[in-house]
PDB file of all heavy atoms in Angstrom:
ATOM      1  N   GLY A   1      -0.619  -6.685   2.534  1.00  0.00           N
ATOM      2  CA  GLY A   1      -0.466  -5.383   1.917  1.00  0.00           C
ATOM      3  C   GLY A   1       0.047  -5.437   0.499  1.00  0.00           C
ATOM      4  O   GLY A   1       0.503  -6.480   0.021  1.00  0.00           O
ATOM      5  N   TRP A   2      -0.054  -4.300  -0.164  1.00  0.00           N
ATOM      6  CA  TRP A   2       0.439  -4.131  -1.517  1.00  0.00           C
ATOM      7  C   TRP A   2       1.483  -3.037  -1.560  1.00  0.00           C
ATOM      8  O   TRP A   2       1.294  -1.962  -0.969  1.00  0.00           O
ATOM      9  CB  TRP A   2      -0.698  -3.777  -2.480  1.00  0.00           C
ATOM     10  CG  TRP A   2      -1.639  -4.899  -2.753  1.00  0.00           C
ATOM     11  CD1 TRP A   2      -2.822  -5.144  -2.131  1.00  0.00           C
ATOM     12  CD2 TRP A   2      -1.474  -5.920  -3.735  1.00  0.00           C
ATOM     13  NE1 TRP A   2      -3.410  -6.258  -2.662  1.00  0.00           N
ATOM     14  CE2 TRP A   2      -2.601  -6.760  -3.655  1.00  0.00           C
ATOM     15  CE3 TRP A   2      -0.485  -6.214  -4.679  1.00  0.00           C
ATOM     16  CZ2 TRP A   2      -2.773  -7.869  -4.478  1.00  0.00           C
ATOM     17  CZ3 TRP A   2      -0.646  -7.312  -5.496  1.00  0.00           C
ATOM     18  CH2 TRP A   2      -1.783  -8.126  -5.387  1.00  0.00           C
ATOM     19  N   PHE A   3       2.564  -3.303  -2.256  1.00  0.00           N
ATOM     20  CA  PHE A   3       3.616  -2.340  -2.503  1.00  0.00           C
ATOM     21  C   PHE A   3       3.898  -2.320  -3.999  1.00  0.00           C
ATOM     22  O   PHE A   3       3.536  -3.237  -4.719  1.00  0.00           O
ATOM     23  CB  PHE A   3       4.891  -2.701  -1.741  1.00  0.00           C
ATOM     24  CG  PHE A   3       4.754  -2.618  -0.249  1.00  0.00           C
ATOM     25  CD1 PHE A   3       4.141  -3.629   0.466  1.00  0.00           C
ATOM     26  CD2 PHE A   3       5.245  -1.519   0.445  1.00  0.00           C
ATOM     27  CE1 PHE A   3       4.007  -3.562   1.840  1.00  0.00           C
ATOM     28  CE2 PHE A   3       5.125  -1.435   1.824  1.00  0.00           C
ATOM     29  CZ  PHE A   3       4.502  -2.452   2.517  1.00  0.00           C
ATOM     30  N   ARG A   4       4.566  -1.280  -4.460  1.00  0.00           N
ATOM     31  CA  ARG A   4       4.968  -1.233  -5.857  1.00  0.00           C
ATOM     32  C   ARG A   4       6.346  -0.606  -5.971  1.00  0.00           C
ATOM     33  O   ARG A   4       6.757   0.190  -5.135  1.00  0.00           O
ATOM     34  CB  ARG A   4       3.956  -0.458  -6.708  1.00  0.00           C
ATOM     35  CG  ARG A   4       3.824   1.011  -6.357  1.00  0.00           C
ATOM     36  CD  ARG A   4       2.643   1.628  -7.088  1.00  0.00           C
ATOM     37  NE  ARG A   4       2.463   3.032  -6.744  1.00  0.00           N
ATOM     38  CZ  ARG A   4       1.380   3.738  -7.051  1.00  0.00           C
ATOM     39  NH1 ARG A   4       0.384   3.166  -7.724  1.00  0.00           N
ATOM     40  NH2 ARG A   4       1.299   5.011  -6.691  1.00  0.00           N
ATOM     41  N   GLN A   5       7.044  -0.977  -7.022  1.00  0.00           N
ATOM     42  CA  GLN A   5       8.368  -0.439  -7.271  1.00  0.00           C
ATOM     43  C   GLN A   5       8.498  -0.107  -8.748  1.00  0.00           C
ATOM     44  O   GLN A   5       8.460  -0.998  -9.596  1.00  0.00           O
ATOM     45  CB  GLN A   5       9.456  -1.420  -6.841  1.00  0.00           C
ATOM     46  CG  GLN A   5      10.853  -0.846  -6.898  1.00  0.00           C
ATOM     47  CD  GLN A   5      11.853  -1.687  -6.124  1.00  0.00           C
ATOM     48  OE1 GLN A   5      11.610  -2.857  -5.842  1.00  0.00           O
ATOM     49  NE2 GLN A   5      12.970  -1.086  -5.766  1.00  0.00           N
ATOM     50  N   ALA A   6       8.639   1.168  -9.027  1.00  0.00           N
ATOM     51  CA  ALA A   6       8.823   1.649 -10.389  1.00  0.00           C
ATOM     52  C   ALA A   6      10.309   1.649 -10.731  1.00  0.00           C
ATOM     53  O   ALA A   6      11.163   1.683  -9.835  1.00  0.00           O
ATOM     54  CB  ALA A   6       8.247   3.046 -10.531  1.00  0.00           C
ATOM     55  N   PRO A   7      10.651   1.633 -12.011  1.00  0.00           N
ATOM     56  CA  PRO A   7      12.058   1.646 -12.409  1.00  0.00           C
ATOM     57  C   PRO A   7      12.814   2.829 -11.816  1.00  0.00           C
ATOM     58  O   PRO A   7      12.364   3.971 -11.916  1.00  0.00           O
ATOM     59  CB  PRO A   7      11.982   1.745 -13.931  1.00  0.00           C
ATOM     60  CG  PRO A   7      10.676   1.126 -14.280  1.00  0.00           C
ATOM     61  CD  PRO A   7       9.749   1.536 -13.173  1.00  0.00           C
ATOM     62  N   GLY A   8      13.940   2.549 -11.182  1.00  0.00           N
ATOM     63  CA  GLY A   8      14.771   3.590 -10.615  1.00  0.00           C
ATOM     64  C   GLY A   8      14.279   4.180  -9.315  1.00  0.00           C
ATOM     65  O   GLY A   8      14.873   5.144  -8.816  1.00  0.00           O
ATOM     66  N   LYS A   9      13.216   3.639  -8.746  1.00  0.00           N
ATOM     67  CA  LYS A   9      12.657   4.176  -7.519  1.00  0.00           C
ATOM     68  C   LYS A   9      12.607   3.102  -6.434  1.00  0.00           C
ATOM     69  O   LYS A   9      12.693   1.913  -6.711  1.00  0.00           O
ATOM     70  CB  LYS A   9      11.254   4.733  -7.764  1.00  0.00           C
ATOM     71  CG  LYS A   9      11.207   5.909  -8.729  1.00  0.00           C
ATOM     72  CD  LYS A   9       9.801   6.459  -8.861  1.00  0.00           C
ATOM     73  CE  LYS A   9       9.762   7.642  -9.796  1.00  0.00           C
ATOM     74  NZ  LYS A   9       8.381   8.184  -9.927  1.00  0.00           N
ATOM     75  N   GLU A  10      12.464   3.558  -5.201  1.00  0.00           N
ATOM     76  CA  GLU A  10      12.350   2.643  -4.082  1.00  0.00           C
ATOM     77  C   GLU A  10      10.942   2.067  -4.002  1.00  0.00           C
ATOM     78  O   GLU A  10       9.981   2.645  -4.511  1.00  0.00           O
ATOM     79  CB  GLU A  10      12.709   3.342  -2.771  1.00  0.00           C
ATOM     80  CG  GLU A  10      14.156   3.781  -2.683  1.00  0.00           C
ATOM     81  CD  GLU A  10      14.500   4.362  -1.337  1.00  0.00           C
ATOM     82  OE1 GLU A  10      13.580   4.592  -0.535  1.00  0.00           O
ATOM     83  OE2 GLU A  10      15.690   4.576  -1.082  1.00  0.00           O
ATOM     84  N   ARG A  11      10.848   0.937  -3.355  1.00  0.00           N
ATOM     85  CA  ARG A  11       9.556   0.312  -3.154  1.00  0.00           C
ATOM     86  C   ARG A  11       8.678   1.187  -2.263  1.00  0.00           C
ATOM     87  O   ARG A  11       9.125   1.688  -1.229  1.00  0.00           O
ATOM     88  CB  ARG A  11       9.744  -1.066  -2.531  1.00  0.00           C
ATOM     89  CG  ARG A  11       8.504  -1.929  -2.531  1.00  0.00           C
ATOM     90  CD  ARG A  11       8.862  -3.371  -2.191  1.00  0.00           C
ATOM     91  NE  ARG A  11       9.784  -3.928  -3.176  1.00  0.00           N
ATOM     92  CZ  ARG A  11      10.196  -5.190  -3.169  1.00  0.00           C
ATOM     93  NH1 ARG A  11       9.770  -6.028  -2.240  1.00  0.00           N
ATOM     94  NH2 ARG A  11      11.043  -5.612  -4.101  1.00  0.00           N
ATOM     95  N   GLU A  12       7.420   1.377  -2.660  1.00  0.00           N
ATOM     96  CA  GLU A  12       6.525   2.237  -1.908  1.00  0.00           C
ATOM     97  C   GLU A  12       5.230   1.520  -1.547  1.00  0.00           C
ATOM     98  O   GLU A  12       4.760   0.629  -2.256  1.00  0.00           O
ATOM     99  CB  GLU A  12       6.209   3.514  -2.689  1.00  0.00           C
ATOM    100  CG  GLU A  12       5.405   3.291  -3.953  1.00  0.00           C
ATOM    101  CD  GLU A  12       4.958   4.589  -4.607  1.00  0.00           C
ATOM    102  OE1 GLU A  12       4.977   5.643  -3.940  1.00  0.00           O
ATOM    103  OE2 GLU A  12       4.592   4.552  -5.799  1.00  0.00           O
ATOM    104  N   PHE A  13       4.661   1.957  -0.460  1.00  0.00           N
ATOM    105  CA  PHE A  13       3.413   1.410   0.036  1.00  0.00           C
ATOM    106  C   PHE A  13       2.243   1.837  -0.834  1.00  0.00           C
ATOM    107  O   PHE A  13       2.155   2.991  -1.253  1.00  0.00           O
ATOM    108  CB  PHE A  13       3.197   1.885   1.475  1.00  0.00           C
ATOM    109  CG  PHE A  13       1.881   1.513   2.072  1.00  0.00           C
ATOM    110  CD1 PHE A  13       1.656   0.232   2.558  1.00  0.00           C
ATOM    111  CD2 PHE A  13       0.858   2.443   2.164  1.00  0.00           C
ATOM    112  CE1 PHE A  13       0.447  -0.118   3.128  1.00  0.00           C
ATOM    113  CE2 PHE A  13      -0.355   2.109   2.732  1.00  0.00           C
ATOM    114  CZ  PHE A  13      -0.564   0.825   3.209  1.00  0.00           C
ATOM    115  N   VAL A  14       1.333   0.907  -1.096  1.00  0.00           N
ATOM    116  CA  VAL A  14       0.125   1.198  -1.857  1.00  0.00           C
ATOM    117  C   VAL A  14      -1.113   1.090  -0.966  1.00  0.00           C
ATOM    118  O   VAL A  14      -1.923   2.005  -0.886  1.00  0.00           O
ATOM    119  CB  VAL A  14      -0.021   0.261  -3.066  1.00  0.00           C
ATOM    120  CG1 VAL A  14      -1.342   0.520  -3.794  1.00  0.00           C
ATOM    121  CG2 VAL A  14       1.157   0.432  -4.017  1.00  0.00           C
ATOM    122  N   GLY A  15      -1.269  -0.038  -0.312  1.00  0.00           N
ATOM    123  CA  GLY A  15      -2.414  -0.246   0.557  1.00  0.00           C
ATOM    124  C   GLY A  15      -2.259  -1.515   1.354  1.00  0.00           C
ATOM    125  O   GLY A  15      -1.415  -2.362   1.056  1.00  0.00           O
ATOM    126  N   ALA A  16      -3.090  -1.668   2.380  1.00  0.00           N
ATOM    127  CA  ALA A  16      -3.033  -2.849   3.222  1.00  0.00           C
ATOM    128  C   ALA A  16      -4.379  -3.074   3.889  1.00  0.00           C
ATOM    129  O   ALA A  16      -5.203  -2.156   3.994  1.00  0.00           O
ATOM    130  CB  ALA A  16      -1.932  -2.727   4.276  1.00  0.00           C
ATOM    131  N   ILE A  17      -4.576  -4.290   4.359  1.00  0.00           N
ATOM    132  CA  ILE A  17      -5.789  -4.638   5.076  1.00  0.00           C
ATOM    133  C   ILE A  17      -5.430  -5.570   6.217  1.00  0.00           C
ATOM    134  O   ILE A  17      -4.590  -6.451   6.066  1.00  0.00           O
ATOM    135  CB  ILE A  17      -6.837  -5.270   4.125  1.00  0.00           C
ATOM    136  CG1 ILE A  17      -8.184  -5.460   4.832  1.00  0.00           C
ATOM    137  CG2 ILE A  17      -6.326  -6.585   3.553  1.00  0.00           C
ATOM    138  CD1 ILE A  17      -9.326  -5.775   3.872  1.00  0.00           C
ATOM    139  N   THR A  18      -6.058  -5.362   7.367  1.00  0.00           N
ATOM    140  CA  THR A  18      -5.852  -6.269   8.487  1.00  0.00           C
ATOM    141  C   THR A  18      -6.813  -7.436   8.366  1.00  0.00           C
ATOM    142  O   THR A  18      -7.943  -7.292   7.890  1.00  0.00           O
ATOM    143  CB  THR A  18      -6.057  -5.563   9.838  1.00  0.00           C
ATOM    144  OG1 THR A  18      -7.407  -5.078   9.941  1.00  0.00           O
ATOM    145  CG2 THR A  18      -5.105  -4.394   9.983  1.00  0.00           C
ATOM    146  N   TRP A  19      -6.358  -8.604   8.790  1.00  0.00           N
ATOM    147  CA  TRP A  19      -7.123  -9.811   8.527  1.00  0.00           C
ATOM    148  C   TRP A  19      -8.310 -10.002   9.445  1.00  0.00           C
ATOM    149  O   TRP A  19      -9.329 -10.557   9.033  1.00  0.00           O
ATOM    150  CB  TRP A  19      -6.204 -11.029   8.573  1.00  0.00           C
ATOM    151  CG  TRP A  19      -6.652 -12.081   7.622  1.00  0.00           C
ATOM    152  CD1 TRP A  19      -7.084 -13.338   7.919  1.00  0.00           C
ATOM    153  CD2 TRP A  19      -6.731 -11.957   6.202  1.00  0.00           C
ATOM    154  NE1 TRP A  19      -7.427 -14.002   6.782  1.00  0.00           N
ATOM    155  CE2 TRP A  19      -7.220 -13.182   5.705  1.00  0.00           C
ATOM    156  CE3 TRP A  19      -6.432 -10.921   5.296  1.00  0.00           C
ATOM    157  CZ2 TRP A  19      -7.422 -13.394   4.338  1.00  0.00           C
ATOM    158  CZ3 TRP A  19      -6.638 -11.124   3.950  1.00  0.00           C
ATOM    159  CH2 TRP A  19      -7.125 -12.360   3.487  1.00  0.00           C
ATOM    160  N   LYS A  20      -8.206  -9.559  10.681  1.00  0.00           N
ATOM    161  CA  LYS A  20      -9.298  -9.727  11.624  1.00  0.00           C
ATOM    162  C   LYS A  20     -10.183  -8.491  11.742  1.00  0.00           C
ATOM    163  O   LYS A  20     -11.404  -8.605  11.788  1.00  0.00           O
ATOM    164  CB  LYS A  20      -8.751 -10.099  13.005  1.00  0.00           C
ATOM    165  CG  LYS A  20      -8.101 -11.464  13.069  1.00  0.00           C
ATOM    166  CD  LYS A  20      -7.674 -11.804  14.491  1.00  0.00           C
ATOM    167  CE  LYS A  20      -7.077 -13.200  14.557  1.00  0.00           C
ATOM    168  NZ  LYS A  20      -6.660 -13.557  15.928  1.00  0.00           N
ATOM    169  N   GLY A  21      -9.589  -7.339  11.790  1.00  0.00           N
ATOM    170  CA  GLY A  21     -10.351  -6.116  11.960  1.00  0.00           C
ATOM    171  C   GLY A  21     -10.917  -5.532  10.681  1.00  0.00           C
ATOM    172  O   GLY A  21     -11.781  -4.653  10.727  1.00  0.00           O
ATOM    173  N   ASP A  22     -10.427  -5.995   9.538  1.00  0.00           N
ATOM    174  CA  ASP A  22     -10.886  -5.517   8.236  1.00  0.00           C
ATOM    175  C   ASP A  22     -10.651  -4.017   8.071  1.00  0.00           C
ATOM    176  O   ASP A  22     -11.423  -3.327   7.405  1.00  0.00           O
ATOM    177  CB  ASP A  22     -12.366  -5.855   8.041  1.00  0.00           C
ATOM    178  CG  ASP A  22     -12.799  -5.803   6.590  1.00  0.00           C
ATOM    179  OD1 ASP A  22     -11.954  -6.022   5.702  1.00  0.00           O
ATOM    180  OD2 ASP A  22     -13.991  -5.549   6.343  1.00  0.00           O
ATOM    181  N   ASN A  23      -9.597  -3.509   8.669  1.00  0.00           N
ATOM    182  CA  ASN A  23      -9.227  -2.115   8.500  1.00  0.00           C
ATOM    183  C   ASN A  23      -8.345  -1.964   7.270  1.00  0.00           C
ATOM    184  O   ASN A  23      -7.466  -2.785   7.021  1.00  0.00           O
ATOM    185  CB  ASN A  23      -8.474  -1.599   9.726  1.00  0.00           C
ATOM    186  CG  ASN A  23      -9.293  -1.702  10.996  1.00  0.00           C
ATOM    187  OD1 ASN A  23      -8.895  -2.371  11.950  1.00  0.00           O
ATOM    188  ND2 ASN A  23     -10.436  -1.038  11.025  1.00  0.00           N
ATOM    189  N   THR A  24      -8.579  -0.913   6.522  1.00  0.00           N
ATOM    190  CA  THR A  24      -7.799  -0.666   5.320  1.00  0.00           C
ATOM    191  C   THR A  24      -6.968   0.594   5.453  1.00  0.00           C
ATOM    192  O   THR A  24      -7.344   1.539   6.156  1.00  0.00           O
ATOM    193  CB  THR A  24      -8.694  -0.567   4.084  1.00  0.00           C
ATOM    194  OG1 THR A  24      -9.706   0.432   4.298  1.00  0.00           O
ATOM    195  CG2 THR A  24      -9.365  -1.895   3.795  1.00  0.00           C
ATOM    196  N   TYR A  25      -5.847   0.610   4.763  1.00  0.00           N
ATOM    197  CA  TYR A  25      -4.917   1.725   4.761  1.00  0.00           C
ATOM    198  C   TYR A  25      -4.475   1.959   3.322  1.00  0.00           C
ATOM    199  O   TYR A  25      -4.270   1.005   2.574  1.00  0.00           O
ATOM    200  CB  TYR A  25      -3.695   1.419   5.629  1.00  0.00           C
ATOM    201  CG  TYR A  25      -4.027   1.025   7.049  1.00  0.00           C
ATOM    202  CD1 TYR A  25      -4.435  -0.274   7.351  1.00  0.00           C
ATOM    203  CD2 TYR A  25      -3.932   1.946   8.082  1.00  0.00           C
ATOM    204  CE1 TYR A  25      -4.749  -0.637   8.653  1.00  0.00           C
ATOM    205  CE2 TYR A  25      -4.242   1.587   9.383  1.00  0.00           C
ATOM    206  CZ  TYR A  25      -4.650   0.291   9.664  1.00  0.00           C
ATOM    207  OH  TYR A  25      -4.958  -0.061  10.952  1.00  0.00           O
ATOM    208  N   TYR A  26      -4.315   3.220   2.954  1.00  0.00           N
ATOM    209  CA  TYR A  26      -3.942   3.551   1.587  1.00  0.00           C
ATOM    210  C   TYR A  26      -2.901   4.654   1.554  1.00  0.00           C
ATOM    211  O   TYR A  26      -2.876   5.539   2.412  1.00  0.00           O
ATOM    212  CB  TYR A  26      -5.154   4.025   0.786  1.00  0.00           C
ATOM    213  CG  TYR A  26      -6.234   3.000   0.607  1.00  0.00           C
ATOM    214  CD1 TYR A  26      -7.337   2.978   1.445  1.00  0.00           C
ATOM    215  CD2 TYR A  26      -6.153   2.054  -0.403  1.00  0.00           C
ATOM    216  CE1 TYR A  26      -8.338   2.039   1.290  1.00  0.00           C
ATOM    217  CE2 TYR A  26      -7.152   1.109  -0.570  1.00  0.00           C
ATOM    218  CZ  TYR A  26      -8.241   1.105   0.279  1.00  0.00           C
ATOM    219  OH  TYR A  26      -9.231   0.165   0.109  1.00  0.00           O
ATOM    220  N   ALA A  27      -2.065   4.588   0.541  1.00  0.00           N
ATOM    221  CA  ALA A  27      -1.207   5.717   0.247  1.00  0.00           C
ATOM    222  C   ALA A  27      -2.070   6.885  -0.224  1.00  0.00           C
ATOM    223  O   ALA A  27      -3.094   6.684  -0.885  1.00  0.00           O
ATOM    224  CB  ALA A  27      -0.190   5.351  -0.833  1.00  0.00           C
ATOM    225  N   ASP A  28      -1.647   8.100   0.102  1.00  0.00           N
ATOM    226  CA  ASP A  28      -2.418   9.279  -0.290  1.00  0.00           C
ATOM    227  C   ASP A  28      -2.621   9.348  -1.803  1.00  0.00           C
ATOM    228  O   ASP A  28      -3.667   9.788  -2.277  1.00  0.00           O
ATOM    229  CB  ASP A  28      -1.723  10.547   0.188  1.00  0.00           C
ATOM    230  CG  ASP A  28      -1.799  10.733   1.690  1.00  0.00           C
ATOM    231  OD1 ASP A  28      -2.647  10.090   2.335  1.00  0.00           O
ATOM    232  OD2 ASP A  28      -1.012  11.536   2.219  1.00  0.00           O
ATOM    233  N   SER A  29      -1.651   8.891  -2.549  1.00  0.00           N
ATOM    234  CA  SER A  29      -1.691   9.005  -3.992  1.00  0.00           C
ATOM    235  C   SER A  29      -2.750   8.124  -4.652  1.00  0.00           C
ATOM    236  O   SER A  29      -3.107   8.352  -5.811  1.00  0.00           O
ATOM    237  CB  SER A  29      -0.316   8.677  -4.590  1.00  0.00           C
ATOM    238  OG  SER A  29       0.068   7.356  -4.277  1.00  0.00           O
ATOM    239  N   VAL A  30      -3.259   7.122  -3.936  1.00  0.00           N
ATOM    240  CA  VAL A  30      -4.221   6.200  -4.534  1.00  0.00           C
ATOM    241  C   VAL A  30      -5.595   6.264  -3.885  1.00  0.00           C
ATOM    242  O   VAL A  30      -6.528   5.594  -4.362  1.00  0.00           O
ATOM    243  CB  VAL A  30      -3.709   4.746  -4.506  1.00  0.00           C
ATOM    244  CG1 VAL A  30      -2.323   4.656  -5.128  1.00  0.00           C
ATOM    245  CG2 VAL A  30      -3.708   4.187  -3.087  1.00  0.00           C
ATOM    246  N   LYS A  31      -5.754   7.050  -2.841  1.00  0.00           N
ATOM    247  CA  LYS A  31      -7.038   7.142  -2.161  1.00  0.00           C
ATOM    248  C   LYS A  31      -8.133   7.607  -3.119  1.00  0.00           C
ATOM    249  O   LYS A  31      -7.951   8.552  -3.878  1.00  0.00           O
ATOM    250  CB  LYS A  31      -6.953   8.102  -0.980  1.00  0.00           C
ATOM    251  CG  LYS A  31      -6.182   7.556   0.204  1.00  0.00           C
ATOM    252  CD  LYS A  31      -6.146   8.561   1.354  1.00  0.00           C
ATOM    253  CE  LYS A  31      -5.383   8.007   2.544  1.00  0.00           C
ATOM    254  NZ  LYS A  31      -5.293   8.994   3.647  1.00  0.00           N
TER     255      LYS A  31
END
């Protein structure tokens, strides 16, 4: 998965992928 952390903010989820099923997940803000 990918996460990001902006200055002064908590780390947030960006997206992820499963290795066998090839399923993807995204934060609403980046879809």
